[in-house]
């Protein structure tokens, strides 16, 4: 008796030689079935999953890949579990006690697996509702980063420092997606109080229009960044609000280039960006 099961080692060794060919055949068939099924699942989901309004082709493919990977992994697990039981039967091992033991074990851990069930259910809703998917930039459970993987149990994020965070789906109460469907340019540029505001806004708008036609940055932009007005009368200057629309996750690239070009344009036009001045008075 081994691990509580009646197994005759001599019987196993004796029976192994005749069935080795069948074992290899079963493994090959299982591998083929697993690959064919994964492709079939992927194709079926592609046909069944509708592309939402405003969702571009790249984002749709990203969402589809996330759903396909989860369902394919689940199907593959089931196929290899069944294959394992078939192989045990071929080796002459009575699988009835294993199935009975698995049922009892499953019932025992079921009472203590509430968090696991919660994670799985939450993960299913996250994936089916397309709250976020691989490649999105999100903030969940106080952590911001790039989604590297989404499965039924965990969401895997990598932050700007390269740290990988594994977050159980059941602990996610609020998920903020920075890159779903589109992203926005949203920044303030400060100019001095002596500046002609209309002139400054005109320069900003010209920079935004040129940037939207740029060979490199133009394809990232859906709506050219434009100055919409005075946002704040600050302590040292006037803040002008700039808004624009970009493709998902491209807003930071666009804003970095926009700031650079606005600074260069302001320098040419003699528009001052204020900065703190310090006057030092030396006492006699």
Foldseek 3Di string as FASTA:
>chain_A
DPPPFDDDVVLLVVLCVVCVVVLVVLVVVLVVCLVVVLVVLLVVCVVVDDDDPLADPVNVVQLSVQVSVQVSVVVNVVSVVVSVVVVCVSSVGDCVVVVVVVVVVCVVCVVVCPLQVLLLVLLVCCSVVCVDGAQWWKAWPNDTAGFHHGYSFWTWGQHPVRDIDTHGSNRTPDMGTQAPSWHKQKDKAWFAPVDDVVVLQVLLQVLQVVQCVDPPRVQFFDFGKGFPAFDDQDPGTTITIIMGMGHGPCNVVSVVVSVVVSVVSCVVVVIGRDDDDDDDDDDD
